[in-house]
Each structure stands twice: as structure tokens, then as C-alpha cells.
Amino acid sequence: MLQNAPIRAYIPANDVKRAREFYEGVIGLTPKEEYAGGVIYTCGGAEVFLYPTRNAGTSKASQAFWQVADVAAEVKELKARGVRFEEYDFPGFKMVDSIMTAGGAKTAWFKDTEGNILAISQRL
């Protein structure tokens, strides 16, 4: 059954070369394998497939998130690498230093070069 099968996240890219420069050069991911015009990365034991498509950046929801131990430290490091975080204005919630605390987590969102929304999150 599916509960015993590995699951792989997809991240769409209009320009795989540009996206790879972001994921490898800015975020710091290491490519595991090139496949079908894209690339596979391993993050914390899970795999992510960056693949070519004209539909990249069309979702208004987060594509994926990294679960981290210290979201503030990760935000600081990623900002130093040039990542620009989103600043959302939700009624009843306030972002502090690009981090929103709500729903039992601290979360920060950013977009990649393809317009995909990604997040880093720390459970409380």
C-alpha cells in the first residue's frame, strides 16, 4: 500500500538551469541524480524532484516546506544567502522578522526563482 511507499515532492521549474542555481547555489542542496530533464535532491531522507514545466509558479499555495529545529536561525542564514522572505498580512496574525507563529508552529515563506512558494517551519 501507499503508506509503505516513499513519497517524492515535486518542484516545478520553467527554467531548470536557473532553478538549479537557486537550489544549489543559494539554498545549498546537493544534486543526487539528473533525471528526465530535471534533478533529484535528498533532504532529510526524503527526495525532491525539480522538473521542467511551463506551469511553474502557478500555485498560490506552498509547494513544500522544510521542518527545522530553529526557524529563526534558518531565516537568518537564508537571508544572508540572498533569500527574500514573504511578508503576509493575515487578520489576527503578525509576522515578526519574517516569521509567523500560528497553529502550533513558527513558519516563514519564500519564493524560488520560478515563483514557487516554499516554507521553513518549526513545530512548537
PDB file of N, CA and C in Angstrom:
ATOM      1  N   MET A   1       0.837  -1.191   0.000  1.00  0.00           N
ATOM      2  CA  MET A   1       0.000   0.000   0.000  1.00  0.00           C
ATOM      3  C   MET A   1       0.878   1.249   0.000  1.00  0.00           C
ATOM      4  N   LEU A   2       0.250   2.354  -0.268  1.00  0.00           N
ATOM      5  CA  LEU A   2       0.996   3.599  -0.393  1.00  0.00           C
ATOM      6  C   LEU A   2       1.671   4.040   0.896  1.00  0.00           C
ATOM      7  N   GLN A   3       1.108   3.671   2.032  1.00  0.00           N
ATOM      8  CA  GLN A   3       1.719   4.105   3.295  1.00  0.00           C
ATOM      9  C   GLN A   3       3.117   3.529   3.487  1.00  0.00           C
ATOM     10  N   ASN A   4       3.441   2.489   2.764  1.00  0.00           N
ATOM     11  CA  ASN A   4       4.769   1.889   2.866  1.00  0.00           C
ATOM     12  C   ASN A   4       5.698   2.310   1.729  1.00  0.00           C
ATOM     13  N   ALA A   5       5.193   3.094   0.799  1.00  0.00           N
ATOM     14  CA  ALA A   5       5.994   3.527  -0.348  1.00  0.00           C
ATOM     15  C   ALA A   5       6.564   4.924  -0.091  1.00  0.00           C
ATOM     16  N   PRO A   6       7.798   5.171  -0.503  1.00  0.00           N
ATOM     17  CA  PRO A   6       8.354   6.520  -0.351  1.00  0.00           C
ATOM     18  C   PRO A   6       7.553   7.531  -1.169  1.00  0.00           C
ATOM     19  N   ILE A   7       7.449   8.739  -0.668  1.00  0.00           N
ATOM     20  CA  ILE A   7       6.782   9.801  -1.409  1.00  0.00           C
ATOM     21  C   ILE A   7       7.825  10.834  -1.814  1.00  0.00           C
ATOM     22  N   ARG A   8       7.670  11.395  -2.978  1.00  0.00           N
ATOM     23  CA  ARG A   8       8.627  12.365  -3.508  1.00  0.00           C
ATOM     24  C   ARG A   8       7.885  13.667  -3.780  1.00  0.00           C
ATOM     25  N   ALA A   9       8.443  14.762  -3.317  1.00  0.00           N
ATOM     26  CA  ALA A   9       7.868  16.081  -3.591  1.00  0.00           C
ATOM     27  C   ALA A   9       8.306  16.533  -4.981  1.00  0.00           C
ATOM     28  N   TYR A  10       7.432  17.270  -5.645  1.00  0.00           N
ATOM     29  CA  TYR A  10       7.729  17.862  -6.945  1.00  0.00           C
ATOM     30  C   TYR A  10       7.891  19.364  -6.793  1.00  0.00           C
ATOM     31  N   ILE A  11       8.880  19.927  -7.455  1.00  0.00           N
ATOM     32  CA  ILE A  11       9.026  21.381  -7.542  1.00  0.00           C
ATOM     33  C   ILE A  11       9.165  21.720  -9.026  1.00  0.00           C
ATOM     34  N   PRO A  12       8.157  22.399  -9.577  1.00  0.00           N
ATOM     35  CA  PRO A  12       8.184  22.728 -10.999  1.00  0.00           C
ATOM     36  C   PRO A  12       9.128  23.881 -11.316  1.00  0.00           C
ATOM     37  N   ALA A  13       9.713  23.847 -12.520  1.00  0.00           N
ATOM     38  CA  ALA A  13      10.628  24.913 -12.942  1.00  0.00           C
ATOM     39  C   ALA A  13      10.401  25.251 -14.408  1.00  0.00           C
ATOM     40  N   ASN A  14      10.212  26.524 -14.696  1.00  0.00           N
ATOM     41  CA  ASN A  14      10.176  26.983 -16.086  1.00  0.00           C
ATOM     42  C   ASN A  14      11.568  26.897 -16.688  1.00  0.00           C
ATOM     43  N   ASP A  15      12.575  27.219 -15.892  1.00  0.00           N
ATOM     44  CA  ASP A  15      13.971  27.222 -16.333  1.00  0.00           C
ATOM     45  C   ASP A  15      14.777  26.409 -15.317  1.00  0.00           C
ATOM     46  N   VAL A  16      15.024  25.158 -15.630  1.00  0.00           N
ATOM     47  CA  VAL A  16      15.706  24.257 -14.695  1.00  0.00           C
ATOM     48  C   VAL A  16      17.101  24.754 -14.359  1.00  0.00           C
ATOM     49  N   LYS A  17      17.817  25.296 -15.326  1.00  0.00           N
ATOM     50  CA  LYS A  17      19.172  25.798 -15.058  1.00  0.00           C
ATOM     51  C   LYS A  17      19.128  26.926 -14.026  1.00  0.00           C
ATOM     52  N   ARG A  18      18.242  27.869 -14.212  1.00  0.00           N
ATOM     53  CA  ARG A  18      18.095  28.984 -13.267  1.00  0.00           C
ATOM     54  C   ARG A  18      17.676  28.463 -11.888  1.00  0.00           C
ATOM     55  N   ALA A  19      16.727  27.550 -11.864  1.00  0.00           N
ATOM     56  CA  ALA A  19      16.254  26.987 -10.598  1.00  0.00           C
ATOM     57  C   ALA A  19      17.367  26.233  -9.884  1.00  0.00           C
ATOM     58  N   ARG A  20      18.174  25.488 -10.634  1.00  0.00           N
ATOM     59  CA  ARG A  20      19.290  24.762 -10.015  1.00  0.00           C
ATOM     60  C   ARG A  20      20.286  25.717  -9.379  1.00  0.00           C
ATOM     61  N   GLU A  21      20.544  26.844 -10.020  1.00  0.00           N
ATOM     62  CA  GLU A  21      21.452  27.837  -9.436  1.00  0.00           C
ATOM     63  C   GLU A  21      20.922  28.314  -8.086  1.00  0.00           C
ATOM     64  N   PHE A  22      19.604  28.471  -7.978  1.00  0.00           N
ATOM     65  CA  PHE A  22      18.989  28.881  -6.717  1.00  0.00           C
ATOM     66  C   PHE A  22      19.077  27.758  -5.674  1.00  0.00           C
ATOM     67  N   TYR A  23      18.610  26.564  -6.039  1.00  0.00           N
ATOM     68  CA  TYR A  23      18.552  25.469  -5.065  1.00  0.00           C
ATOM     69  C   TYR A  23      19.940  24.984  -4.648  1.00  0.00           C
ATOM     70  N   GLU A  24      20.876  24.980  -5.549  1.00  0.00           N
ATOM     71  CA  GLU A  24      22.213  24.504  -5.224  1.00  0.00           C
ATOM     72  C   GLU A  24      23.115  25.623  -4.715  1.00  0.00           C
ATOM     73  N   GLY A  25      23.098  26.773  -5.389  1.00  0.00           N
ATOM     74  CA  GLY A  25      23.993  27.858  -5.031  1.00  0.00           C
ATOM     75  C   GLY A  25      23.530  28.695  -3.852  1.00  0.00           C
ATOM     76  N   VAL A  26      22.226  28.926  -3.745  1.00  0.00           N
ATOM     77  CA  VAL A  26      21.696  29.770  -2.669  1.00  0.00           C
ATOM     78  C   VAL A  26      21.224  28.930  -1.485  1.00  0.00           C
ATOM     79  N   ILE A  27      20.355  27.982  -1.743  1.00  0.00           N
ATOM     80  CA  ILE A  27      19.798  27.149  -0.669  1.00  0.00           C
ATOM     81  C   ILE A  27      20.830  26.142  -0.155  1.00  0.00           C
ATOM     82  N   GLY A  28      21.677  25.633  -1.039  1.00  0.00           N
ATOM     83  CA  GLY A  28      22.735  24.720  -0.624  1.00  0.00           C
ATOM     84  C   GLY A  28      22.414  23.245  -0.788  1.00  0.00           C
ATOM     85  N   LEU A  29      21.438  22.913  -1.640  1.00  0.00           N
ATOM     86  CA  LEU A  29      21.131  21.497  -1.863  1.00  0.00           C
ATOM     87  C   LEU A  29      22.175  20.877  -2.786  1.00  0.00           C
ATOM     88  N   THR A  30      22.381  19.575  -2.624  1.00  0.00           N
ATOM     89  CA  THR A  30      23.326  18.825  -3.448  1.00  0.00           C
ATOM     90  C   THR A  30      22.544  17.899  -4.362  1.00  0.00           C
ATOM     91  N   PRO A  31      22.770  17.967  -5.680  1.00  0.00           N
ATOM     92  CA  PRO A  31      22.040  17.081  -6.582  1.00  0.00           C
ATOM     93  C   PRO A  31      22.419  15.620  -6.360  1.00  0.00           C
ATOM     94  N   LYS A  32      21.414  14.773  -6.349  1.00  0.00           N
ATOM     95  CA  LYS A  32      21.646  13.344  -6.200  1.00  0.00           C
ATOM     96  C   LYS A  32      21.727  12.684  -7.574  1.00  0.00           C
ATOM     97  N   GLU A  33      20.820  13.119  -8.471  1.00  0.00           N
ATOM     98  CA  GLU A  33      20.732  12.460  -9.773  1.00  0.00           C
ATOM     99  C   GLU A  33      20.002  13.383 -10.749  1.00  0.00           C
ATOM    100  N   GLU A  34      20.478  13.432 -11.977  1.00  0.00           N
ATOM    101  CA  GLU A  34      19.741  14.124 -13.032  1.00  0.00           C
ATOM    102  C   GLU A  34      18.802  13.110 -13.658  1.00  0.00           C
ATOM    103  N   TYR A  35      17.569  13.552 -13.928  1.00  0.00           N
ATOM    104  CA  TYR A  35      16.555  12.611 -14.395  1.00  0.00           C
ATOM    105  C   TYR A  35      15.511  13.359 -15.221  1.00  0.00           C
ATOM    106  N   ALA A  36      15.209  12.880 -16.401  1.00  0.00           N
ATOM    107  CA  ALA A  36      14.126  13.381 -17.247  1.00  0.00           C
ATOM    108  C   ALA A  36      14.148  14.900 -17.414  1.00  0.00           C
ATOM    109  N   GLY A  37      15.335  15.465 -17.584  1.00  0.00           N
ATOM    110  CA  GLY A  37      15.457  16.894 -17.776  1.00  0.00           C
ATOM    111  C   GLY A  37      15.460  17.705 -16.495  1.00  0.00           C
ATOM    112  N   GLY A  38      15.327  17.019 -15.364  1.00  0.00           N
ATOM    113  CA  GLY A  38      15.317  17.682 -14.069  1.00  0.00           C
ATOM    114  C   GLY A  38      16.407  17.134 -13.172  1.00  0.00           C
ATOM    115  N   VAL A  39      16.230  17.320 -11.889  1.00  0.00           N
ATOM    116  CA  VAL A  39      17.237  16.868 -10.927  1.00  0.00           C
ATOM    117  C   VAL A  39      16.546  16.439  -9.639  1.00  0.00           C
ATOM    118  N   ILE A  40      17.113  15.421  -9.001  1.00  0.00           N
ATOM    119  CA  ILE A  40      16.597  14.919  -7.728  1.00  0.00           C
ATOM    120  C   ILE A  40      17.553  15.359  -6.621  1.00  0.00           C
ATOM    121  N   TYR A  41      16.976  15.876  -5.543  1.00  0.00           N
ATOM    122  CA  TYR A  41      17.722  16.243  -4.341  1.00  0.00           C
ATOM    123  C   TYR A  41      17.210  15.394  -3.188  1.00  0.00           C
ATOM    124  N   THR A  42      18.063  15.118  -2.218  1.00  0.00           N
ATOM    125  CA  THR A  42      17.643  14.447  -0.996  1.00  0.00           C
ATOM    126  C   THR A  42      17.714  15.455   0.139  1.00  0.00           C
ATOM    127  N   CYS A  43      16.621  15.568   0.871  1.00  0.00           N
ATOM    128  CA  CYS A  43      16.531  16.491   2.013  1.00  0.00           C
ATOM    129  C   CYS A  43      16.008  15.707   3.208  1.00  0.00           C
ATOM    130  N   GLY A  44      16.868  15.487   4.186  1.00  0.00           N
ATOM    131  CA  GLY A  44      16.427  14.797   5.395  1.00  0.00           C
ATOM    132  C   GLY A  44      15.877  13.409   5.157  1.00  0.00           C
ATOM    133  N   GLY A  45      16.349  12.727   4.132  1.00  0.00           N
ATOM    134  CA  GLY A  45      15.890  11.377   3.835  1.00  0.00           C
ATOM    135  C   GLY A  45      14.774  11.323   2.802  1.00  0.00           C
ATOM    136  N   ALA A  46      14.108  12.438   2.533  1.00  0.00           N
ATOM    137  CA  ALA A  46      13.059  12.494   1.507  1.00  0.00           C
ATOM    138  C   ALA A  46      13.658  13.038   0.217  1.00  0.00           C
ATOM    139  N   GLU A  47      13.043  12.685  -0.893  1.00  0.00           N
ATOM    140  CA  GLU A  47      13.536  13.173  -2.173  1.00  0.00           C
ATOM    141  C   GLU A  47      12.620  14.259  -2.736  1.00  0.00           C
ATOM    142  N   VAL A  48      13.256  15.191  -3.447  1.00  0.00           N
ATOM    143  CA  VAL A  48      12.567  16.284  -4.112  1.00  0.00           C
ATOM    144  C   VAL A  48      12.979  16.241  -5.576  1.00  0.00           C
ATOM    145  N   PHE A  49      12.001  16.317  -6.468  1.00  0.00           N
ATOM    146  CA  PHE A  49      12.281  16.292  -7.896  1.00  0.00           C
ATOM    147  C   PHE A  49      11.979  17.659  -8.494  1.00  0.00           C
ATOM    148  N   LEU A  50      13.010  18.358  -8.920  1.00  0.00           N
ATOM    149  CA  LEU A  50      12.893  19.625  -9.626  1.00  0.00           C
ATOM    150  C   LEU A  50      12.755  19.270 -11.095  1.00  0.00           C
ATOM    151  N   TYR A  51      11.623  19.621 -11.709  1.00  0.00           N
ATOM    152  CA  TYR A  51      11.372  19.153 -13.067  1.00  0.00           C
ATOM    153  C   TYR A  51      10.904  20.295 -13.977  1.00  0.00           C
ATOM    154  N   PRO A  52      11.164  20.162 -15.269  1.00  0.00           N
ATOM    155  CA  PRO A  52      10.777  21.211 -16.210  1.00  0.00           C
ATOM    156  C   PRO A  52       9.284  21.169 -16.547  1.00  0.00           C
ATOM    157  N   THR A  53       8.669  22.361 -16.500  1.00  0.00           N
ATOM    158  CA  THR A  53       7.273  22.510 -16.901  1.00  0.00           C
ATOM    159  C   THR A  53       6.969  23.989 -17.084  1.00  0.00           C
ATOM    160  N   ARG A  54       6.048  24.287 -17.970  1.00  0.00           N
ATOM    161  CA  ARG A  54       5.631  25.679 -18.157  1.00  0.00           C
ATOM    162  C   ARG A  54       4.676  26.134 -17.062  1.00  0.00           C
ATOM    163  N   ASN A  55       4.267  25.254 -16.183  1.00  0.00           N
ATOM    164  CA  ASN A  55       3.282  25.580 -15.145  1.00  0.00           C
ATOM    165  C   ASN A  55       3.897  25.992 -13.817  1.00  0.00           C
ATOM    166  N   ALA A  56       5.195  26.162 -13.763  1.00  0.00           N
ATOM    167  CA  ALA A  56       5.859  26.546 -12.507  1.00  0.00           C
ATOM    168  C   ALA A  56       5.337  27.890 -12.029  1.00  0.00           C
ATOM    169  N   GLY A  57       5.238  28.021 -10.712  1.00  0.00           N
ATOM    170  CA  GLY A  57       4.853  29.283 -10.111  1.00  0.00           C
ATOM    171  C   GLY A  57       3.382  29.625 -10.205  1.00  0.00           C
ATOM    172  N   THR A  58       2.555  28.693 -10.636  1.00  0.00           N
ATOM    173  CA  THR A  58       1.129  28.997 -10.799  1.00  0.00           C
ATOM    174  C   THR A  58       0.305  28.693  -9.562  1.00  0.00           C
ATOM    175  N   SER A  59       0.844  27.934  -8.628  1.00  0.00           N
ATOM    176  CA  SER A  59       0.102  27.614  -7.404  1.00  0.00           C
ATOM    177  C   SER A  59       0.197  28.778  -6.424  1.00  0.00           C
ATOM    178  N   LYS A  60      -0.909  29.094  -5.783  1.00  0.00           N
ATOM    179  CA  LYS A  60      -0.917  30.150  -4.772  1.00  0.00           C
ATOM    180  C   LYS A  60      -0.719  29.573  -3.371  1.00  0.00           C
ATOM    181  N   ALA A  61      -0.478  28.278  -3.321  1.00  0.00           N
ATOM    182  CA  ALA A  61      -0.231  27.596  -2.046  1.00  0.00           C
ATOM    183  C   ALA A  61       1.217  27.130  -1.999  1.00  0.00           C
ATOM    184  N   SER A  62       1.692  26.818  -0.813  1.00  0.00           N
ATOM    185  CA  SER A  62       3.063  26.336  -0.648  1.00  0.00           C
ATOM    186  C   SER A  62       3.253  25.011  -1.369  1.00  0.00           C
ATOM    187  N   GLN A  63       4.388  24.880  -2.058  1.00  0.00           N
ATOM    188  CA  GLN A  63       4.737  23.638  -2.739  1.00  0.00           C
ATOM    189  C   GLN A  63       5.273  22.611  -1.758  1.00  0.00           C
ATOM    190  N   ALA A  64       6.080  23.078  -0.805  1.00  0.00           N
ATOM    191  CA  ALA A  64       6.721  22.171   0.149  1.00  0.00           C
ATOM    192  C   ALA A  64       7.269  22.999   1.296  1.00  0.00           C
ATOM    193  N   PHE A  65       7.602  22.319   2.399  1.00  0.00           N
ATOM    194  CA  PHE A  65       8.275  23.013   3.495  1.00  0.00           C
ATOM    195  C   PHE A  65       9.302  22.098   4.112  1.00  0.00           C
ATOM    196  N   TRP A  66      10.338  22.723   4.650  1.00  0.00           N
ATOM    197  CA  TRP A  66      11.358  22.015   5.396  1.00  0.00           C
ATOM    198  C   TRP A  66      11.006  22.156   6.870  1.00  0.00           C
ATOM    199  N   GLN A  67      10.966  21.042   7.593  1.00  0.00           N
ATOM    200  CA  GLN A  67      10.741  21.072   9.041  1.00  0.00           C
ATOM    201  C   GLN A  67      12.096  21.204   9.710  1.00  0.00           C
ATOM    202  N   VAL A  68      12.291  22.323  10.420  1.00  0.00           N
ATOM    203  CA  VAL A  68      13.592  22.642  11.006  1.00  0.00           C
ATOM    204  C   VAL A  68      13.483  22.767  12.522  1.00  0.00           C
ATOM    205  N   ALA A  69      14.614  22.706  13.198  1.00  0.00           N
ATOM    206  CA  ALA A  69      14.644  22.812  14.656  1.00  0.00           C
ATOM    207  C   ALA A  69      14.601  24.263  15.128  1.00  0.00           C
ATOM    208  N   ASP A  70      15.129  25.199  14.318  1.00  0.00           N
ATOM    209  CA  ASP A  70      15.209  26.604  14.722  1.00  0.00           C
ATOM    210  C   ASP A  70      14.934  27.480  13.508  1.00  0.00           C
ATOM    211  N   VAL A  71      13.666  27.850  13.317  1.00  0.00           N
ATOM    212  CA  VAL A  71      13.290  28.611  12.133  1.00  0.00           C
ATOM    213  C   VAL A  71      13.971  29.980  12.094  1.00  0.00           C
ATOM    214  N   ALA A  72      14.151  30.616  13.232  1.00  0.00           N
ATOM    215  CA  ALA A  72      14.794  31.938  13.264  1.00  0.00           C
ATOM    216  C   ALA A  72      16.230  31.858  12.741  1.00  0.00           C
ATOM    217  N   ALA A  73      16.959  30.832  13.138  1.00  0.00           N
ATOM    218  CA  ALA A  73      18.338  30.657  12.668  1.00  0.00           C
ATOM    219  C   ALA A  73      18.369  30.379  11.166  1.00  0.00           C
ATOM    220  N   GLU A  74      17.433  29.581  10.691  1.00  0.00           N
ATOM    221  CA  GLU A  74      17.377  29.278   9.257  1.00  0.00           C
ATOM    222  C   GLU A  74      17.032  30.526   8.450  1.00  0.00           C
ATOM    223  N   VAL A  75      16.080  31.322   8.932  1.00  0.00           N
ATOM    224  CA  VAL A  75      15.719  32.565   8.239  1.00  0.00           C
ATOM    225  C   VAL A  75      16.934  33.483   8.160  1.00  0.00           C
ATOM    226  N   LYS A  76      17.638  33.615   9.263  1.00  0.00           N
ATOM    227  CA  LYS A  76      18.822  34.474   9.294  1.00  0.00           C
ATOM    228  C   LYS A  76      19.865  34.007   8.275  1.00  0.00           C
ATOM    229  N   GLU A  77      20.136  32.703   8.242  1.00  0.00           N
ATOM    230  CA  GLU A  77      21.130  32.167   7.316  1.00  0.00           C
ATOM    231  C   GLU A  77      20.693  32.335   5.869  1.00  0.00           C
ATOM    232  N   LEU A  78      19.425  32.042   5.581  1.00  0.00           N
ATOM    233  CA  LEU A  78      18.941  32.160   4.210  1.00  0.00           C
ATOM    234  C   LEU A  78      18.904  33.613   3.744  1.00  0.00           C
ATOM    235  N   LYS A  79      18.549  34.533   4.638  1.00  0.00           N
ATOM    236  CA  LYS A  79      18.586  35.956   4.275  1.00  0.00           C
ATOM    237  C   LYS A  79      20.014  36.366   3.929  1.00  0.00           C
ATOM    238  N   ALA A  80      20.990  35.861   4.686  1.00  0.00           N
ATOM    239  CA  ALA A  80      22.394  36.171   4.412  1.00  0.00           C
ATOM    240  C   ALA A  80      22.825  35.626   3.050  1.00  0.00           C
ATOM    241  N   ARG A  81      22.158  34.581   2.576  1.00  0.00           N
ATOM    242  CA  ARG A  81      22.463  33.982   1.270  1.00  0.00           C
ATOM    243  C   ARG A  81      21.689  34.652   0.138  1.00  0.00           C
ATOM    244  N   GLY A  82      20.832  35.633   0.504  1.00  0.00           N
ATOM    245  CA  GLY A  82      20.098  36.379  -0.515  1.00  0.00           C
ATOM    246  C   GLY A  82      18.650  36.004  -0.698  1.00  0.00           C
ATOM    247  N   VAL A  83      18.121  35.102   0.128  1.00  0.00           N
ATOM    248  CA  VAL A  83      16.721  34.720   0.015  1.00  0.00           C
ATOM    249  C   VAL A  83      15.850  35.847   0.577  1.00  0.00           C
ATOM    250  N   ARG A  84      14.820  36.224  -0.171  1.00  0.00           N
ATOM    251  CA  ARG A  84      13.878  37.244   0.268  1.00  0.00           C
ATOM    252  C   ARG A  84      12.602  36.551   0.747  1.00  0.00           C
ATOM    253  N   PHE A  85      12.235  36.794   1.986  1.00  0.00           N
ATOM    254  CA  PHE A  85      11.065  36.157   2.571  1.00  0.00           C
ATOM    255  C   PHE A  85       9.799  36.965   2.314  1.00  0.00           C
ATOM    256  N   GLU A  86       8.708  36.253   2.208  1.00  0.00           N
ATOM    257  CA  GLU A  86       7.401  36.872   2.008  1.00  0.00           C
ATOM    258  C   GLU A  86       6.925  37.460   3.332  1.00  0.00           C
ATOM    259  N   GLU A  87       6.199  38.543   3.264  1.00  0.00           N
ATOM    260  CA  GLU A  87       5.615  39.179   4.448  1.00  0.00           C
ATOM    261  C   GLU A  87       4.103  39.186   4.249  1.00  0.00           C
ATOM    262  N   TYR A  88       3.413  38.235   4.862  1.00  0.00           N
ATOM    263  CA  TYR A  88       1.970  38.112   4.702  1.00  0.00           C
ATOM    264  C   TYR A  88       1.238  38.915   5.775  1.00  0.00           C
ATOM    265  N   ASP A  89       0.067  39.397   5.407  1.00  0.00           N
ATOM    266  CA  ASP A  89      -0.770  40.172   6.312  1.00  0.00           C
ATOM    267  C   ASP A  89      -2.093  39.442   6.475  1.00  0.00           C
ATOM    268  N   PHE A  90      -2.161  38.568   7.471  1.00  0.00           N
ATOM    269  CA  PHE A  90      -3.381  37.834   7.758  1.00  0.00           C
ATOM    270  C   PHE A  90      -4.068  38.451   8.966  1.00  0.00           C
ATOM    271  N   PRO A  91      -5.364  38.629   8.916  1.00  0.00           N
ATOM    272  CA  PRO A  91      -6.064  39.187  10.080  1.00  0.00           C
ATOM    273  C   PRO A  91      -5.810  38.349  11.335  1.00  0.00           C
ATOM    274  N   GLY A  92      -5.433  39.034  12.408  1.00  0.00           N
ATOM    275  CA  GLY A  92      -5.203  38.359  13.679  1.00  0.00           C
ATOM    276  C   GLY A  92      -3.815  37.763  13.854  1.00  0.00           C
ATOM    277  N   PHE A  93      -2.978  37.864  12.825  1.00  0.00           N
ATOM    278  CA  PHE A  93      -1.626  37.315  12.900  1.00  0.00           C
ATOM    279  C   PHE A  93      -0.628  38.396  12.522  1.00  0.00           C
ATOM    280  N   LYS A  94       0.497  38.388  13.194  1.00  0.00           N
ATOM    281  CA  LYS A  94       1.543  39.355  12.897  1.00  0.00           C
ATOM    282  C   LYS A  94       2.847  38.614  12.649  1.00  0.00           C
ATOM    283  N   MET A  95       3.515  38.997  11.589  1.00  0.00           N
ATOM    284  CA  MET A  95       4.812  38.403  11.301  1.00  0.00           C
ATOM    285  C   MET A  95       5.877  39.230  12.006  1.00  0.00           C
ATOM    286  N   VAL A  96       6.830  38.543  12.623  1.00  0.00           N
ATOM    287  CA  VAL A  96       7.953  39.191  13.300  1.00  0.00           C
ATOM    288  C   VAL A  96       9.225  38.631  12.688  1.00  0.00           C
ATOM    289  N   ASP A  97      10.036  39.500  12.111  1.00  0.00           N
ATOM    290  CA  ASP A  97      11.283  39.077  11.450  1.00  0.00           C
ATOM    291  C   ASP A  97      11.016  37.996  10.409  1.00  0.00           C
ATOM    292  N   SER A  98       9.946  38.175   9.624  1.00  0.00           N
ATOM    293  CA  SER A  98       9.551  37.272   8.533  1.00  0.00           C
ATOM    294  C   SER A  98       8.988  35.937   9.011  1.00  0.00           C
ATOM    295  N   ILE A  99       8.683  35.809  10.288  1.00  0.00           N
ATOM    296  CA  ILE A  99       8.190  34.543  10.854  1.00  0.00           C
ATOM    297  C   ILE A  99       6.802  34.752  11.442  1.00  0.00           C
ATOM    298  N   MET A 100       5.888  33.843  11.103  1.00  0.00           N
ATOM    299  CA  MET A 100       4.553  33.868  11.685  1.00  0.00           C
ATOM    300  C   MET A 100       4.432  32.710  12.673  1.00  0.00           C
ATOM    301  N   THR A 101       3.903  33.006  13.857  1.00  0.00           N
ATOM    302  CA  THR A 101       3.649  31.973  14.846  1.00  0.00           C
ATOM    303  C   THR A 101       2.146  31.745  14.897  1.00  0.00           C
ATOM    304  N   ALA A 102       1.720  30.549  14.522  1.00  0.00           N
ATOM    305  CA  ALA A 102       0.294  30.213  14.497  1.00  0.00           C
ATOM    306  C   ALA A 102       0.147  28.708  14.303  1.00  0.00           C
ATOM    307  N   GLY A 103      -0.954  28.167  14.780  1.00  0.00           N
ATOM    308  CA  GLY A 103      -1.258  26.761  14.531  1.00  0.00           C
ATOM    309  C   GLY A 103      -0.232  25.787  15.070  1.00  0.00           C
ATOM    310  N   GLY A 104       0.472  26.153  16.125  1.00  0.00           N
ATOM    311  CA  GLY A 104       1.450  25.248  16.723  1.00  0.00           C
ATOM    312  C   GLY A 104       2.792  25.225  16.021  1.00  0.00           C
ATOM    313  N   ALA A 105       3.073  26.256  15.212  1.00  0.00           N
ATOM    314  CA  ALA A 105       4.351  26.289  14.505  1.00  0.00           C
ATOM    315  C   ALA A 105       4.790  27.728  14.263  1.00  0.00           C
ATOM    316  N   LYS A 106       6.094  27.870  14.053  1.00  0.00           N
ATOM    317  CA  LYS A 106       6.676  29.117  13.563  1.00  0.00           C
ATOM    318  C   LYS A 106       7.061  28.838  12.120  1.00  0.00           C
ATOM    319  N   THR A 107       6.580  29.680  11.195  1.00  0.00           N
ATOM    320  CA  THR A 107       6.788  29.416   9.776  1.00  0.00           C
ATOM    321  C   THR A 107       7.198  30.682   9.040  1.00  0.00           C
ATOM    322  N   ALA A 108       8.072  30.518   8.060  1.00  0.00           N
ATOM    323  CA  ALA A 108       8.495  31.606   7.182  1.00  0.00           C
ATOM    324  C   ALA A 108       8.420  31.103   5.747  1.00  0.00           C
ATOM    325  N   TRP A 109       7.936  31.957   4.855  1.00  0.00           N
ATOM    326  CA  TRP A 109       7.738  31.585   3.462  1.00  0.00           C
ATOM    327  C   TRP A 109       8.630  32.403   2.547  1.00  0.00           C
ATOM    328  N   PHE A 110       9.057  31.780   1.445  1.00  0.00           N
ATOM    329  CA  PHE A 110       9.821  32.481   0.412  1.00  0.00           C
ATOM    330  C   PHE A 110       9.477  31.880  -0.938  1.00  0.00           C
ATOM    331  N   LYS A 111       9.811  32.607  -1.999  1.00  0.00           N
ATOM    332  CA  LYS A 111       9.605  32.103  -3.353  1.00  0.00           C
ATOM    333  C   LYS A 111      10.956  31.784  -3.987  1.00  0.00           C
ATOM    334  N   ASP A 112      10.956  30.752  -4.806  1.00  0.00           N
ATOM    335  CA  ASP A 112      12.161  30.434  -5.564  1.00  0.00           C
ATOM    336  C   ASP A 112      12.189  31.259  -6.849  1.00  0.00           C
ATOM    337  N   THR A 113      13.157  31.030  -7.697  1.00  0.00           N
ATOM    338  CA  THR A 113      13.293  31.777  -8.942  1.00  0.00           C
ATOM    339  C   THR A 113      12.148  31.518  -9.910  1.00  0.00           C
ATOM    340  N   GLU A 114      11.400  30.450  -9.687  1.00  0.00           N
ATOM    341  CA  GLU A 114      10.309  30.064 -10.584  1.00  0.00           C
ATOM    342  C   GLU A 114       8.951  30.551 -10.096  1.00  0.00           C
ATOM    343  N   GLY A 115       8.928  31.220  -8.935  1.00  0.00           N
ATOM    344  CA  GLY A 115       7.670  31.719  -8.378  1.00  0.00           C
ATOM    345  C   GLY A 115       6.962  30.735  -7.472  1.00  0.00           C
ATOM    346  N   ASN A 116       7.587  29.589  -7.191  1.00  0.00           N
ATOM    347  CA  ASN A 116       7.002  28.601  -6.276  1.00  0.00           C
ATOM    348  C   ASN A 116       7.136  29.096  -4.841  1.00  0.00           C
ATOM    349  N   ILE A 117       6.093  28.898  -4.047  1.00  0.00           N
ATOM    350  CA  ILE A 117       6.119  29.265  -2.638  1.00  0.00           C
ATOM    351  C   ILE A 117       6.612  28.069  -1.841  1.00  0.00           C
ATOM    352  N   LEU A 118       7.655  28.302  -1.030  1.00  0.00           N
ATOM    353  CA  LEU A 118       8.238  27.276  -0.179  1.00  0.00           C
ATOM    354  C   LEU A 118       8.281  27.819   1.233  1.00  0.00           C
ATOM    355  N   ALA A 119       8.462  26.946   2.208  1.00  0.00           N
ATOM    356  CA  ALA A 119       8.462  27.399   3.587  1.00  0.00           C
ATOM    357  C   ALA A 119       9.463  26.608   4.409  1.00  0.00           C
ATOM    358  N   ILE A 120       9.823  27.223   5.528  1.00  0.00           N
ATOM    359  CA  ILE A 120      10.553  26.517   6.576  1.00  0.00           C
ATOM    360  C   ILE A 120       9.700  26.655   7.832  1.00  0.00           C
ATOM    361  N   SER A 121       9.600  25.592   8.591  1.00  0.00           N
ATOM    362  CA  SER A 121       8.673  25.581   9.708  1.00  0.00           C
ATOM    363  C   SER A 121       9.260  24.831  10.902  1.00  0.00           C
ATOM    364  N   GLN A 122       8.954  25.358  12.078  1.00  0.00           N
ATOM    365  CA  GLN A 122       9.389  24.762  13.339  1.00  0.00           C
ATOM    366  C   GLN A 122       8.160  24.476  14.175  1.00  0.00           C
ATOM    367  N   ARG A 123       7.945  23.219  14.505  1.00  0.00           N
ATOM    368  CA  ARG A 123       6.808  22.872  15.373  1.00  0.00           C
ATOM    369  C   ARG A 123       7.092  23.323  16.787  1.00  0.00           C
ATOM    370  N   LEU A 124       6.061  23.804  17.441  1.00  0.00           N
ATOM    371  CA  LEU A 124       6.194  24.257  18.833  1.00  0.00           C
ATOM    372  C   LEU A 124       5.698  23.204  19.796  1.00  0.00           C
TER     373      LEU A 124
END
